[in-house]
N, C-alpha and C. Protein backbone atom coordinates (compact mmCIF):
# COMPACT_ATOMS: atom_id res chain seq x y z
N MET A 1 21.41 -7.52 -12.77
CA MET A 1 20.79 -6.57 -12.03
C MET A 1 19.72 -7.00 -11.85
N PRO A 2 18.95 -7.62 -10.47
CA PRO A 2 17.95 -8.08 -10.35
C PRO A 2 16.12 -7.34 -10.41
N LEU A 3 15.66 -6.77 -10.62
CA LEU A 3 14.65 -6.47 -11.23
C LEU A 3 13.89 -4.81 -10.78
N ASN A 4 14.26 -4.75 -8.84
CA ASN A 4 14.30 -4.53 -8.28
C ASN A 4 15.48 -3.16 -7.87
N GLU A 5 16.04 -3.68 -8.70
CA GLU A 5 17.80 -2.75 -8.17
C GLU A 5 17.53 -1.32 -8.85
N GLY A 6 18.30 -0.63 -8.21
CA GLY A 6 18.17 0.24 -9.72
C GLY A 6 18.45 1.70 -9.17
N LYS A 7 18.76 2.86 -10.07
CA LYS A 7 18.82 4.16 -8.95
C LYS A 7 17.17 4.60 -8.94
N ASN A 8 16.33 4.38 -9.48
CA ASN A 8 14.61 4.85 -9.58
C ASN A 8 14.41 4.15 -8.61
N ASN A 9 14.53 2.91 -8.03
CA ASN A 9 14.01 2.32 -6.89
C ASN A 9 13.85 3.04 -5.30
N GLN A 10 13.10 4.81 -5.08
CA GLN A 10 13.77 5.03 -3.79
C GLN A 10 12.11 5.09 -3.70
N VAL A 11 11.53 3.92 -2.61
CA VAL A 11 9.86 4.06 -2.60
C VAL A 11 10.44 3.59 -0.82
N ILE A 12 9.35 4.49 -0.03
CA ILE A 12 9.09 4.56 1.34
C ILE A 12 8.32 2.97 1.69
N LYS A 13 8.70 2.00 2.61
CA LYS A 13 7.75 0.48 2.80
C LYS A 13 8.06 1.25 4.33
N LYS A 14 6.47 0.94 5.01
CA LYS A 14 6.01 1.54 5.88
C LYS A 14 4.64 0.37 6.35
N GLU A 15 3.79 0.20 7.05
CA GLU A 15 3.01 -0.79 7.29
C GLU A 15 1.46 -0.29 7.63
N GLY A 16 0.44 -1.06 7.89
CA GLY A 16 -0.45 -0.15 8.18
C GLY A 16 -2.09 -0.53 8.47
N ARG A 17 -3.09 0.01 8.78
CA ARG A 17 -3.74 -0.83 8.82
C ARG A 17 -5.67 -0.06 7.80
N VAL A 18 -6.22 -1.05 7.04
CA VAL A 18 -7.35 -0.10 6.38
C VAL A 18 -8.06 0.00 7.25
N ILE A 19 -8.68 1.15 7.06
CA ILE A 19 -9.96 2.00 7.83
C ILE A 19 -11.40 1.65 7.07
N GLU A 20 -10.78 2.22 5.69
CA GLU A 20 -12.04 2.07 5.17
C GLU A 20 -12.13 2.06 3.42
N ALA A 21 -12.81 0.97 3.42
CA ALA A 21 -13.08 0.45 1.72
C ALA A 21 -13.00 1.73 0.39
N LEU A 22 -12.98 2.41 -0.29
CA LEU A 22 -13.53 2.87 -1.39
C LEU A 22 -13.85 2.13 -2.95
N PRO A 23 -14.36 3.30 -3.93
CA PRO A 23 -14.29 2.32 -5.15
C PRO A 23 -12.83 2.55 -5.80
N ASN A 24 -12.98 1.34 -6.40
CA ASN A 24 -11.60 1.41 -8.20
C ASN A 24 -10.52 0.66 -6.75
N ALA A 25 -10.86 0.63 -6.39
CA ALA A 25 -9.52 -1.47 -5.73
C ALA A 25 -8.45 0.07 -4.67
N PHE A 26 -9.37 1.40 -4.28
CA PHE A 26 -8.83 2.16 -3.44
C PHE A 26 -9.40 1.65 -1.74
N PHE A 27 -8.60 2.69 -1.64
CA PHE A 27 -8.30 2.56 0.72
C PHE A 27 -7.81 3.46 1.38
N LYS A 28 -8.40 3.78 2.19
CA LYS A 28 -8.22 4.16 3.18
C LYS A 28 -7.25 3.76 4.46
N VAL A 29 -5.32 4.30 4.25
CA VAL A 29 -5.12 3.38 5.56
C VAL A 29 -4.50 4.46 6.69
N VAL A 30 -4.63 4.03 7.95
CA VAL A 30 -3.71 4.49 8.75
C VAL A 30 -2.67 3.48 9.14
N LEU A 31 -1.08 4.71 8.87
CA LEU A 31 0.14 4.04 9.08
C LEU A 31 0.28 3.56 10.90
N ASN A 32 1.32 2.68 10.85
CA ASN A 32 1.18 2.38 11.93
C ASN A 32 2.33 3.25 12.93
N ASP A 33 3.34 3.78 12.04
CA ASP A 33 3.95 4.59 13.11
C ASP A 33 3.66 5.46 13.02
N ASP A 34 3.50 6.90 12.42
CA ASP A 34 2.99 7.79 12.51
C ASP A 34 1.53 8.26 13.25
N GLY A 35 0.54 7.30 12.63
CA GLY A 35 -0.74 7.47 12.54
C GLY A 35 -1.39 8.28 11.45
N LYS A 36 -0.59 9.05 9.81
CA LYS A 36 -0.88 9.00 9.48
C LYS A 36 -1.81 8.83 8.53
N GLU A 37 -2.86 9.51 7.91
CA GLU A 37 -3.87 8.52 7.02
C GLU A 37 -3.69 8.74 5.91
N ILE A 38 -3.10 7.65 4.84
CA ILE A 38 -3.24 8.56 3.17
C ILE A 38 -4.25 7.11 2.67
N LEU A 39 -4.18 7.40 1.32
CA LEU A 39 -5.26 7.08 0.17
C LEU A 39 -3.63 5.33 -0.82
N GLY A 40 -4.28 4.93 -0.44
CA GLY A 40 -3.73 3.23 -1.17
C GLY A 40 -4.62 2.31 -1.56
N PHE A 41 -3.87 2.38 -2.57
CA PHE A 41 -5.00 1.29 -3.79
C PHE A 41 -3.57 0.09 -4.12
N LEU A 42 -3.94 -0.94 -4.72
CA LEU A 42 -4.29 -2.77 -4.80
C LEU A 42 -2.99 -2.14 -6.05
N SER A 43 -1.66 -2.42 -5.63
CA SER A 43 -0.97 -3.22 -7.12
C SER A 43 -1.60 -3.87 -8.00
N GLY A 44 -1.26 -4.22 -9.00
CA GLY A 44 -1.11 -4.72 -10.26
C GLY A 44 -1.65 -6.94 -9.99
N LYS A 45 -0.03 -6.88 -8.99
CA LYS A 45 -0.27 -8.79 -8.39
C LYS A 45 -1.37 -8.33 -7.45
N MET A 46 -1.65 -8.49 -6.58
CA MET A 46 -3.04 -7.86 -6.06
C MET A 46 -4.15 -8.43 -6.79
N ARG A 47 -4.50 -7.09 -8.12
CA ARG A 47 -5.53 -7.13 -8.02
C ARG A 47 -5.48 -8.95 -9.07
N MET A 48 -4.56 -9.17 -9.95
CA MET A 48 -4.46 -10.67 -11.02
C MET A 48 -5.06 -11.42 -9.87
N ASN A 49 -4.65 -11.71 -8.80
CA ASN A 49 -4.82 -12.70 -7.86
C ASN A 49 -5.40 -12.91 -7.48
N ARG A 50 -6.38 -11.32 -7.34
CA ARG A 50 -8.08 -11.29 -6.78
C ARG A 50 -7.60 -11.78 -5.18
N ILE A 51 -6.72 -11.20 -4.33
CA ILE A 51 -6.71 -10.78 -3.01
C ILE A 51 -7.26 -10.23 -2.88
N THR A 52 -8.65 -10.50 -1.62
CA THR A 52 -9.54 -9.60 -0.75
C THR A 52 -9.04 -8.76 0.31
N ILE A 53 -9.13 -7.61 0.44
CA ILE A 53 -8.51 -6.55 0.92
C ILE A 53 -10.15 -6.08 2.15
N LEU A 54 -10.51 -5.72 3.25
CA LEU A 54 -11.37 -5.61 3.89
C LEU A 54 -10.95 -4.32 5.14
N PRO A 55 -11.78 -4.03 5.08
CA PRO A 55 -11.31 -2.88 6.55
C PRO A 55 -11.05 -3.56 7.62
N GLY A 56 -10.12 -3.05 8.48
CA GLY A 56 -9.32 -4.01 9.65
C GLY A 56 -8.60 -4.49 9.33
N ASP A 57 -7.68 -5.22 8.40
CA ASP A 57 -6.84 -5.99 7.69
C ASP A 57 -5.10 -5.46 7.66
N LYS A 58 -4.68 -5.96 8.03
CA LYS A 58 -3.07 -5.32 7.92
C LYS A 58 -3.01 -5.07 6.86
N VAL A 59 -1.83 -4.34 6.53
CA VAL A 59 -1.40 -4.11 4.72
C VAL A 59 0.09 -3.31 5.15
N SER A 60 0.62 -3.88 4.11
CA SER A 60 2.50 -3.12 3.67
C SER A 60 2.24 -2.19 2.48
N LEU A 61 2.82 -1.00 2.50
CA LEU A 61 3.05 -0.33 1.88
C LEU A 61 3.98 0.01 0.96
N GLU A 62 3.88 0.64 -0.67
CA GLU A 62 5.26 1.86 -1.16
C GLU A 62 4.97 2.37 -1.05
N ILE A 63 5.79 3.59 -0.04
CA ILE A 63 4.65 4.99 -0.94
C ILE A 63 6.51 5.63 -1.30
N SER A 64 5.50 6.72 -2.60
CA SER A 64 7.02 7.47 -3.24
C SER A 64 7.39 8.67 -2.84
N PRO A 65 8.44 8.75 -2.39
CA PRO A 65 9.14 10.15 -2.26
C PRO A 65 8.17 11.43 -2.23
N TYR A 66 7.76 11.17 -3.22
CA TYR A 66 7.29 12.18 -4.10
C TYR A 66 6.04 13.18 -3.23
N ASP A 67 4.94 12.14 -3.68
CA ASP A 67 3.75 11.68 -2.80
C ASP A 67 3.54 11.25 -1.93
N GLU A 68 3.31 11.51 -0.25
CA GLU A 68 3.83 11.17 0.39
C GLU A 68 2.62 10.62 0.40
N GLY A 69 1.02 11.15 0.08
CA GLY A 69 -0.24 11.35 0.49
C GLY A 69 -0.92 9.53 0.15
N LYS A 70 0.27 8.85 -1.27
CA LYS A 70 -0.75 7.89 -1.57
C LYS A 70 0.23 6.69 -1.25
N GLY A 71 0.13 5.65 -1.45
CA GLY A 71 0.33 4.73 -1.41
C GLY A 71 0.06 3.36 -2.30
N ARG A 72 1.12 2.72 -2.97
CA ARG A 72 0.78 1.49 -3.48
C ARG A 72 0.74 0.12 -1.93
N ILE A 73 -0.20 -0.67 -1.90
CA ILE A 73 -0.81 -1.79 -1.72
C ILE A 73 0.23 -2.60 -1.70
N VAL A 74 0.91 -3.57 -1.39
CA VAL A 74 1.73 -5.13 -1.93
C VAL A 74 1.86 -5.91 -1.28
N TYR A 75 1.03 -6.47 -0.07
CA TYR A 75 0.36 -7.86 0.84
C TYR A 75 0.28 -6.94 1.77
N ARG A 76 -0.36 -8.03 2.18
CA ARG A 76 -1.82 -8.17 2.81
C ARG A 76 -1.12 -9.15 4.49
N LEU A 77 -0.85 -8.24 5.57
CA LEU A 77 0.12 -9.76 6.41
C LEU A 77 -1.45 -9.73 7.44
N LYS A 78 -1.00 -10.67 8.10
CA LYS A 78 -1.93 -12.11 8.68
C LYS A 78 -2.51 -11.39 10.09
């Protein structure tokens, strides 16, 4: 079984745009589909590889179904 499969993999994948950079690798992100504003934080791989996120960047997020006000930023889109 691949690493990302299993019964605990119930994430919601969405795309959005960063509107504000906050301390400690947190960002305010506006979602593309419904315009909702959530708090996004950088994933560990993005921190390790020092991927820079600036306001205005388009990002891909993984949101937990239990707390839809927070999301993990997993990819910076072109």
